[in-house]
């Protein structure tokens, strides 16, 4: 997507977030009216923030899987270990 489209979607999401907060502020007891919104950019924003929060877990998983694969595919056994 072009930068114009991404900027438009960011402004769209921000505007609907403001409208949703205004609606909730005007009548907080009304549980029947809510605004749900989404744009093509929304998934990218959520997944990017989640990925950066879990970088240490991802790296630990990669290291663990690499060591596991090396041990399973290599010729480590008790005879050659001595």
PDB file of N, CA and C in Angstrom:
ATOM      1  N   UNK A   1       0.840  -1.179   0.000  1.00  0.00           N
ATOM      2  CA  UNK A   1       0.000   0.000   0.000  1.00  0.00           C
ATOM      3  C   UNK A   1       0.888   1.245   0.000  1.00  0.00           C
ATOM      4  N   UNK A   2       0.367   2.283  -0.569  1.00  0.00           N
ATOM      5  CA  UNK A   2       1.144   3.523  -0.626  1.00  0.00           C
ATOM      6  C   UNK A   2       1.059   4.255   0.714  1.00  0.00           C
ATOM      7  N   UNK A   3       1.942   5.210   0.899  1.00  0.00           N
ATOM      8  CA  UNK A   3       1.957   5.983   2.144  1.00  0.00           C
ATOM      9  C   UNK A   3       0.681   6.808   2.307  1.00  0.00           C
ATOM     10  N   UNK A   4       0.107   7.268   1.184  1.00  0.00           N
ATOM     11  CA  UNK A   4      -1.147   8.030   1.262  1.00  0.00           C
ATOM     12  C   UNK A   4      -2.265   7.176   1.848  1.00  0.00           C
ATOM     13  N   UNK A   5      -2.347   5.937   1.392  1.00  0.00           N
ATOM     14  CA  UNK A   5      -3.389   5.035   1.890  1.00  0.00           C
ATOM     15  C   UNK A   5      -3.156   4.705   3.361  1.00  0.00           C
ATOM     16  N   UNK A   6      -1.911   4.429   3.733  1.00  0.00           N
ATOM     17  CA  UNK A   6      -1.614   4.120   5.133  1.00  0.00           C
ATOM     18  C   UNK A   6      -1.915   5.311   6.040  1.00  0.00           C
ATOM     19  N   UNK A   7      -1.588   6.513   5.586  1.00  0.00           N
ATOM     20  CA  UNK A   7      -1.895   7.714   6.372  1.00  0.00           C
ATOM     21  C   UNK A   7      -3.400   7.924   6.502  1.00  0.00           C
ATOM     22  N   UNK A   8      -4.141   7.689   5.404  1.00  0.00           N
ATOM     23  CA  UNK A   8      -5.592   7.826   5.446  1.00  0.00           C
ATOM     24  C   UNK A   8      -6.192   6.817   6.420  1.00  0.00           C
ATOM     25  N   UNK A   9      -5.725   5.567   6.380  1.00  0.00           N
ATOM     26  CA  UNK A   9      -6.246   4.547   7.289  1.00  0.00           C
ATOM     27  C   UNK A   9      -5.919   4.878   8.742  1.00  0.00           C
ATOM     28  N   UNK A  10      -4.732   5.426   9.000  1.00  0.00           N
ATOM     29  CA  UNK A  10      -4.379   5.823  10.370  1.00  0.00           C
ATOM     30  C   UNK A  10      -5.308   6.936  10.857  1.00  0.00           C
ATOM     31  N   UNK A  11      -5.589   7.922  10.006  1.00  0.00           N
ATOM     32  CA  UNK A  11      -6.505   9.002  10.380  1.00  0.00           C
ATOM     33  C   UNK A  11      -7.923   8.470  10.574  1.00  0.00           C
ATOM     34  N   UNK A  12      -8.340   7.530   9.732  1.00  0.00           N
ATOM     35  CA  UNK A  12      -9.663   6.902   9.834  1.00  0.00           C
ATOM     36  C   UNK A  12      -9.818   6.180  11.168  1.00  0.00           C
ATOM     37  N   UNK A  13      -8.827   5.379  11.536  1.00  0.00           N
ATOM     38  CA  UNK A  13      -8.875   4.640  12.801  1.00  0.00           C
ATOM     39  C   UNK A  13      -8.873   5.610  13.980  1.00  0.00           C
ATOM     40  N   UNK A  14      -8.063   6.652  13.915  1.00  0.00           N
ATOM     41  CA  UNK A  14      -8.003   7.639  15.001  1.00  0.00           C
ATOM     42  C   UNK A  14      -9.337   8.362  15.152  1.00  0.00           C
ATOM     43  N   UNK A  15      -9.947   8.740  14.043  1.00  0.00           N
ATOM     44  CA  UNK A  15     -11.232   9.450  14.094  1.00  0.00           C
ATOM     45  C   UNK A  15     -12.327   8.564  14.688  1.00  0.00           C
ATOM     46  N   UNK A  16     -12.381   7.317  14.267  1.00  0.00           N
ATOM     47  CA  UNK A  16     -13.398   6.420  14.818  1.00  0.00           C
ATOM     48  C   UNK A  16     -13.132   6.100  16.284  1.00  0.00           C
ATOM     49  N   UNK A  17     -11.886   6.060  16.684  1.00  0.00           N
ATOM     50  CA  UNK A  17     -11.562   5.860  18.099  1.00  0.00           C
ATOM     51  C   UNK A  17     -12.058   7.050  18.922  1.00  0.00           C
ATOM     52  N   UNK A  18     -11.872   8.256  18.399  1.00  0.00           N
ATOM     53  CA  UNK A  18     -12.366   9.456  19.088  1.00  0.00           C
ATOM     54  C   UNK A  18     -13.887   9.456  19.183  1.00  0.00           C
ATOM     55  N   UNK A  19     -14.565   9.085  18.103  1.00  0.00           N
ATOM     56  CA  UNK A  19     -16.029   9.029  18.104  1.00  0.00           C
ATOM     57  C   UNK A  19     -16.518   7.984  19.103  1.00  0.00           C
ATOM     58  N   UNK A  20     -15.855   6.847  19.146  1.00  0.00           N
ATOM     59  CA  UNK A  20     -16.233   5.787  20.081  1.00  0.00           C
ATOM     60  C   UNK A  20     -16.081   6.246  21.531  1.00  0.00           C
ATOM     61  N   UNK A  21     -14.981   6.945  21.828  1.00  0.00           N
ATOM     62  CA  UNK A  21     -14.772   7.455  23.189  1.00  0.00           C
ATOM     63  C   UNK A  21     -15.803   8.522  23.545  1.00  0.00           C
ATOM     64  N   UNK A  22     -16.148   9.392  22.581  1.00  0.00           N
ATOM     65  CA  UNK A  22     -17.171  10.412  22.815  1.00  0.00           C
ATOM     66  C   UNK A  22     -18.514   9.776  23.113  1.00  0.00           C
ATOM     67  N   UNK A  23     -18.877   8.765  22.336  1.00  0.00           N
ATOM     68  CA  UNK A  23     -20.147   8.074  22.531  1.00  0.00           C
ATOM     69  C   UNK A  23     -20.201   7.427  23.909  1.00  0.00           C
ATOM     70  N   UNK A  24     -19.111   6.838  24.321  1.00  0.00           N
ATOM     71  CA  UNK A  24     -19.063   6.204  25.639  1.00  0.00           C
ATOM     72  C   UNK A  24     -19.110   7.247  26.757  1.00  0.00           C
ATOM     73  N   UNK A  25     -18.462   8.387  26.527  1.00  0.00           N
ATOM     74  CA  UNK A  25     -18.430   9.446  27.542  1.00  0.00           C
ATOM     75  C   UNK A  25     -19.811  10.091  27.711  1.00  0.00           C
ATOM     76  N   UNK A  26     -20.553  10.260  26.589  1.00  0.00           N
ATOM     77  CA  UNK A  26     -21.870  10.889  26.647  1.00  0.00           C
ATOM     78  C   UNK A  26     -22.868  10.049  27.426  1.00  0.00           C
ATOM     79  N   UNK A  27     -22.811   8.735  27.245  1.00  0.00           N
ATOM     80  CA  UNK A  27     -23.781   7.866  27.903  1.00  0.00           C
ATOM     81  C   UNK A  27     -23.090   6.570  28.318  1.00  0.00           C
ATOM     82  N   UNK A  28     -22.374   6.565  29.436  1.00  0.00           N
ATOM     83  CA  UNK A  28     -21.622   5.368  29.832  1.00  0.00           C
ATOM     84  C   UNK A  28     -22.501   4.194  30.243  1.00  0.00           C
ATOM     85  N   UNK A  29     -23.765   4.463  30.602  1.00  0.00           N
ATOM     86  CA  UNK A  29     -24.642   3.362  31.024  1.00  0.00           C
ATOM     87  C   UNK A  29     -25.241   2.610  29.838  1.00  0.00           C
ATOM     88  N   UNK A  30     -25.147   3.165  28.625  1.00  0.00           N
ATOM     89  CA  UNK A  30     -25.715   2.522  27.450  1.00  0.00           C
ATOM     90  C   UNK A  30     -24.759   1.449  26.938  1.00  0.00           C
ATOM     91  N   UNK A  31     -25.124   0.202  27.147  1.00  0.00           N
ATOM     92  CA  UNK A  31     -24.277  -0.913  26.722  1.00  0.00           C
ATOM     93  C   UNK A  31     -24.689  -1.466  25.354  1.00  0.00           C
ATOM     94  N   UNK A  32     -25.796  -0.963  24.799  1.00  0.00           N
ATOM     95  CA  UNK A  32     -26.306  -1.540  23.556  1.00  0.00           C
ATOM     96  C   UNK A  32     -25.708  -0.905  22.304  1.00  0.00           C
ATOM     97  N   UNK A  33     -25.105   0.261  22.412  1.00  0.00           N
ATOM     98  CA  UNK A  33     -24.531   0.920  21.237  1.00  0.00           C
ATOM     99  C   UNK A  33     -23.018   0.999  21.403  1.00  0.00           C
ATOM    100  N   UNK A  34     -22.311   0.352  20.501  1.00  0.00           N
ATOM    101  CA  UNK A  34     -20.855   0.416  20.472  1.00  0.00           C
ATOM    102  C   UNK A  34     -20.408   0.531  19.026  1.00  0.00           C
ATOM    103  N   UNK A  35     -19.269   1.119  18.819  1.00  0.00           N
ATOM    104  CA  UNK A  35     -18.705   1.232  17.475  1.00  0.00           C
ATOM    105  C   UNK A  35     -17.494   0.310  17.395  1.00  0.00           C
ATOM    106  N   UNK A  36     -17.544  -0.593  16.447  1.00  0.00           N
ATOM    107  CA  UNK A  36     -16.411  -1.469  16.162  1.00  0.00           C
ATOM    108  C   UNK A  36     -15.842  -1.043  14.815  1.00  0.00           C
ATOM    109  N   UNK A  37     -14.557  -0.886  14.740  1.00  0.00           N
ATOM    110  CA  UNK A  37     -13.937  -0.384  13.516  1.00  0.00           C
ATOM    111  C   UNK A  37     -12.643  -1.137  13.242  1.00  0.00           C
ATOM    112  N   UNK A  38     -12.309  -1.170  11.972  1.00  0.00           N
ATOM    113  CA  UNK A  38     -11.093  -1.857  11.549  1.00  0.00           C
ATOM    114  C   UNK A  38     -10.688  -1.323  10.179  1.00  0.00           C
ATOM    115  N   UNK A  39      -9.410  -1.305   9.933  1.00  0.00           N
ATOM    116  CA  UNK A  39      -8.893  -0.920   8.621  1.00  0.00           C
ATOM    117  C   UNK A  39      -7.846  -1.954   8.220  1.00  0.00           C
ATOM    118  N   UNK A  40      -7.449  -1.937   6.991  1.00  0.00           N
ATOM    119  CA  UNK A  40      -6.433  -2.878   6.526  1.00  0.00           C
ATOM    120  C   UNK A  40      -5.135  -2.751   7.303  1.00  0.00           C
ATOM    121  N   UNK A  41      -4.864  -1.589   7.782  1.00  0.00           N
ATOM    122  CA  UNK A  41      -3.647  -1.311   8.528  1.00  0.00           C
ATOM    123  C   UNK A  41      -3.710  -1.862   9.953  1.00  0.00           C
ATOM    124  N   UNK A  42      -4.899  -2.086  10.486  1.00  0.00           N
ATOM    125  CA  UNK A  42      -5.070  -2.489  11.884  1.00  0.00           C
ATOM    126  C   UNK A  42      -4.314  -3.769  12.211  1.00  0.00           C
ATOM    127  N   UNK A  43      -4.417  -4.769  11.341  1.00  0.00           N
ATOM    128  CA  UNK A  43      -3.732  -6.034  11.600  1.00  0.00           C
ATOM    129  C   UNK A  43      -2.221  -5.835  11.637  1.00  0.00           C
ATOM    130  N   UNK A  44      -1.703  -5.039  10.735  1.00  0.00           N
ATOM    131  CA  UNK A  44      -0.265  -4.770  10.713  1.00  0.00           C
ATOM    132  C   UNK A  44       0.213  -4.062  11.965  1.00  0.00           C
ATOM    133  N   UNK A  45      -0.579  -3.113  12.457  1.00  0.00           N
ATOM    134  CA  UNK A  45      -0.205  -2.388  13.678  1.00  0.00           C
ATOM    135  C   UNK A  45      -0.170  -3.320  14.880  1.00  0.00           C
ATOM    136  N   UNK A  46      -1.194  -4.157  15.014  1.00  0.00           N
ATOM    137  CA  UNK A  46      -1.271  -5.069  16.160  1.00  0.00           C
ATOM    138  C   UNK A  46      -0.168  -6.113  16.091  1.00  0.00           C
ATOM    139  N   UNK A  47       0.033  -6.700  14.920  1.00  0.00           N
ATOM    140  CA  UNK A  47       1.054  -7.750  14.817  1.00  0.00           C
ATOM    141  C   UNK A  47       2.459  -7.181  14.999  1.00  0.00           C
ATOM    142  N   UNK A  48       2.709  -5.972  14.534  1.00  0.00           N
ATOM    143  CA  UNK A  48       4.035  -5.369  14.718  1.00  0.00           C
ATOM    144  C   UNK A  48       4.315  -5.097  16.190  1.00  0.00           C
ATOM    145  N   UNK A  49       3.340  -4.566  16.897  1.00  0.00           N
ATOM    146  CA  UNK A  49       3.568  -4.287  18.323  1.00  0.00           C
ATOM    147  C   UNK A  49       3.730  -5.579  19.107  1.00  0.00           C
ATOM    148  N   UNK A  50       2.992  -6.608  18.747  1.00  0.00           N
ATOM    149  CA  UNK A  50       3.108  -7.894  19.440  1.00  0.00           C
ATOM    150  C   UNK A  50       4.449  -8.548  19.150  1.00  0.00           C
ATOM    151  N   UNK A  51       4.897  -8.490  17.919  1.00  0.00           N
ATOM    152  CA  UNK A  51       6.177  -9.100  17.565  1.00  0.00           C
ATOM    153  C   UNK A  51       7.328  -8.450  18.322  1.00  0.00           C
ATOM    154  N   UNK A  52       7.317  -7.124  18.437  1.00  0.00           N
ATOM    155  CA  UNK A  52       8.408  -6.446  19.123  1.00  0.00           C
ATOM    156  C   UNK A  52       8.386  -6.701  20.620  1.00  0.00           C
ATOM    157  N   UNK A  53       7.217  -6.984  21.186  1.00  0.00           N
ATOM    158  CA  UNK A  53       7.142  -7.310  22.608  1.00  0.00           C
ATOM    159  C   UNK A  53       7.674  -8.707  22.883  1.00  0.00           C
ATOM    160  N   UNK A  54       7.565  -9.605  21.915  1.00  0.00           N
ATOM    161  CA  UNK A  54       7.927 -11.004  22.120  1.00  0.00           C
ATOM    162  C   UNK A  54       9.228 -11.405  21.438  1.00  0.00           C
ATOM    163  N   UNK A  55      10.093 -10.451  21.137  1.00  0.00           N
ATOM    164  CA  UNK A  55      11.338 -10.762  20.435  1.00  0.00           C
ATOM    165  C   UNK A  55      12.195 -11.728  21.242  1.00  0.00           C
ATOM    166  N   UNK A  56      12.259 -11.566  22.553  1.00  0.00           N
ATOM    167  CA  UNK A  56      13.091 -12.466  23.372  1.00  0.00           C
ATOM    168  C   UNK A  56      12.559 -13.888  23.336  1.00  0.00           C
ATOM    169  N   UNK A  57      11.238 -14.041  23.357  1.00  0.00           N
ATOM    170  CA  UNK A  57      10.650 -15.387  23.287  1.00  0.00           C
ATOM    171  C   UNK A  57      10.905 -16.018  21.920  1.00  0.00           C
ATOM    172  N   UNK A  58      10.804 -15.223  20.878  1.00  0.00           N
ATOM    173  CA  UNK A  58      11.045 -15.740  19.530  1.00  0.00           C
ATOM    174  C   UNK A  58      12.500 -16.176  19.385  1.00  0.00           C
ATOM    175  N   UNK A  59      13.425 -15.363  19.870  1.00  0.00           N
ATOM    176  CA  UNK A  59      14.845 -15.716  19.777  1.00  0.00           C
ATOM    177  C   UNK A  59      15.157 -16.957  20.608  1.00  0.00           C
ATOM    178  N   UNK A  60      14.571 -17.071  21.799  1.00  0.00           N
ATOM    179  CA  UNK A  60      14.784 -18.261  22.627  1.00  0.00           C
ATOM    180  C   UNK A  60      14.252 -19.501  21.916  1.00  0.00           C
ATOM    181  N   UNK A  61      13.121 -19.386  21.244  1.00  0.00           N
ATOM    182  CA  UNK A  61      12.566 -20.505  20.491  1.00  0.00           C
ATOM    183  C   UNK A  61      13.449 -20.908  19.327  1.00  0.00           C
ATOM    184  N   UNK A  62      13.996 -19.934  18.627  1.00  0.00           N
ATOM    185  CA  UNK A  62      14.881 -20.231  17.498  1.00  0.00           C
ATOM    186  C   UNK A  62      16.144 -20.930  17.978  1.00  0.00           C
ATOM    187  N   UNK A  63      16.736 -20.439  19.067  1.00  0.00           N
ATOM    188  CA  UNK A  63      17.951 -21.065  19.609  1.00  0.00           C
ATOM    189  C   UNK A  63      17.650 -22.480  20.085  1.00  0.00           C
ATOM    190  N   UNK A  64      16.535 -22.661  20.786  1.00  0.00           N
ATOM    191  CA  UNK A  64      16.157 -23.994  21.275  1.00  0.00           C
ATOM    192  C   UNK A  64      15.947 -24.964  20.119  1.00  0.00           C
ATOM    193  N   UNK A  65      15.234 -24.539  19.087  1.00  0.00           N
ATOM    194  CA  UNK A  65      14.985 -25.417  17.940  1.00  0.00           C
ATOM    195  C   UNK A  65      16.280 -25.728  17.195  1.00  0.00           C
ATOM    196  N   UNK A  66      17.185 -24.768  17.089  1.00  0.00           N
ATOM    197  CA  UNK A  66      18.465 -25.009  16.419  1.00  0.00           C
ATOM    198  C   UNK A  66      19.279 -26.049  17.174  1.00  0.00           C
ATOM    199  N   UNK A  67      19.362 -25.905  18.484  1.00  0.00           N
ATOM    200  CA  UNK A  67      20.104 -26.886  19.290  1.00  0.00           C
ATOM    201  C   UNK A  67      19.450 -28.256  19.194  1.00  0.00           C
ATOM    202  N   UNK A  68      18.136 -28.312  19.242  1.00  0.00           N
ATOM    203  CA  UNK A  68      17.411 -29.578  19.140  1.00  0.00           C
ATOM    204  C   UNK A  68      17.690 -30.262  17.800  1.00  0.00           C
ATOM    205  N   UNK A  69      17.588 -29.512  16.717  1.00  0.00           N
ATOM    206  CA  UNK A  69      17.822 -30.090  15.386  1.00  0.00           C
ATOM    207  C   UNK A  69      19.267 -30.551  15.253  1.00  0.00           C
ATOM    208  N   UNK A  70      20.213 -29.777  15.760  1.00  0.00           N
ATOM    209  CA  UNK A  70      21.619 -30.182  15.695  1.00  0.00           C
ATOM    210  C   UNK A  70      21.853 -31.477  16.467  1.00  0.00           C
ATOM    211  N   UNK A  71      21.244 -31.595  17.621  1.00  0.00           N
ATOM    212  CA  UNK A  71      21.421 -32.817  18.425  1.00  0.00           C
ATOM    213  C   UNK A  71      20.753 -34.019  17.773  1.00  0.00           C
ATOM    214  N   UNK A  72      19.580 -33.842  17.210  1.00  0.00           N
ATOM    215  CA  UNK A  72      18.853 -34.958  16.601  1.00  0.00           C
ATOM    216  C   UNK A  72      19.516 -35.407  15.303  1.00  0.00           C
ATOM    217  N   UNK A  73      19.960 -34.487  14.479  1.00  0.00           N
ATOM    218  CA  UNK A  73      20.516 -34.849  13.180  1.00  0.00           C
ATOM    219  C   UNK A  73      22.005 -35.190  13.226  1.00  0.00           C
ATOM    220  N   UNK A  74      22.669 -34.856  14.308  1.00  0.00           N
ATOM    221  CA  UNK A  74      24.100 -35.157  14.385  1.00  0.00           C
ATOM    222  C   UNK A  74      24.307 -36.594  14.848  1.00  0.00           C
ATOM    223  N   UNK A  75      25.544 -37.005  14.908  1.00  0.00           N
ATOM    224  CA  UNK A  75      25.856 -38.386  15.278  1.00  0.00           C
ATOM    225  C   UNK A  75      26.347 -38.478  16.718  1.00  0.00           C
ATOM    226  N   UNK A  76      25.695 -37.745  17.588  1.00  0.00           N
ATOM    227  CA  UNK A  76      26.047 -37.858  19.002  1.00  0.00           C
ATOM    228  C   UNK A  76      25.512 -39.184  19.538  1.00  0.00           C
ATOM    229  N   UNK A  77      26.388 -39.978  20.085  1.00  0.00           N
ATOM    230  CA  UNK A  77      25.967 -41.180  20.800  1.00  0.00           C
ATOM    231  C   UNK A  77      26.988 -41.447  21.892  1.00  0.00           C
ATOM    232  N   UNK A  78      26.732 -42.419  22.758  1.00  0.00           N
ATOM    233  CA  UNK A  78      27.588 -42.639  23.922  1.00  0.00           C
ATOM    234  C   UNK A  78      28.972 -43.153  23.525  1.00  0.00           C
ATOM    235  N   UNK A  79      29.088 -43.848  22.406  1.00  0.00           N
ATOM    236  CA  UNK A  79      30.392 -44.365  21.985  1.00  0.00           C
ATOM    237  C   UNK A  79      31.281 -43.221  21.505  1.00  0.00           C
ATOM    238  N   UNK A  80      30.756 -42.361  20.658  1.00  0.00           N
ATOM    239  CA  UNK A  80      31.543 -41.255  20.126  1.00  0.00           C
ATOM    240  C   UNK A  80      31.681 -40.109  21.121  1.00  0.00           C
ATOM    241  N   UNK A  81      30.873 -40.098  22.151  1.00  0.00           N
ATOM    242  CA  UNK A  81      30.912 -39.027  23.133  1.00  0.00           C
ATOM    243  C   UNK A  81      32.172 -39.096  23.995  1.00  0.00           C
ATOM    244  N   UNK A  82      32.719 -40.317  24.179  1.00  0.00           N
ATOM    245  CA  UNK A  82      33.910 -40.488  25.026  1.00  0.00           C
ATOM    246  C   UNK A  82      35.068 -39.861  24.402  1.00  0.00           C
TER     247      UNK A  82
END
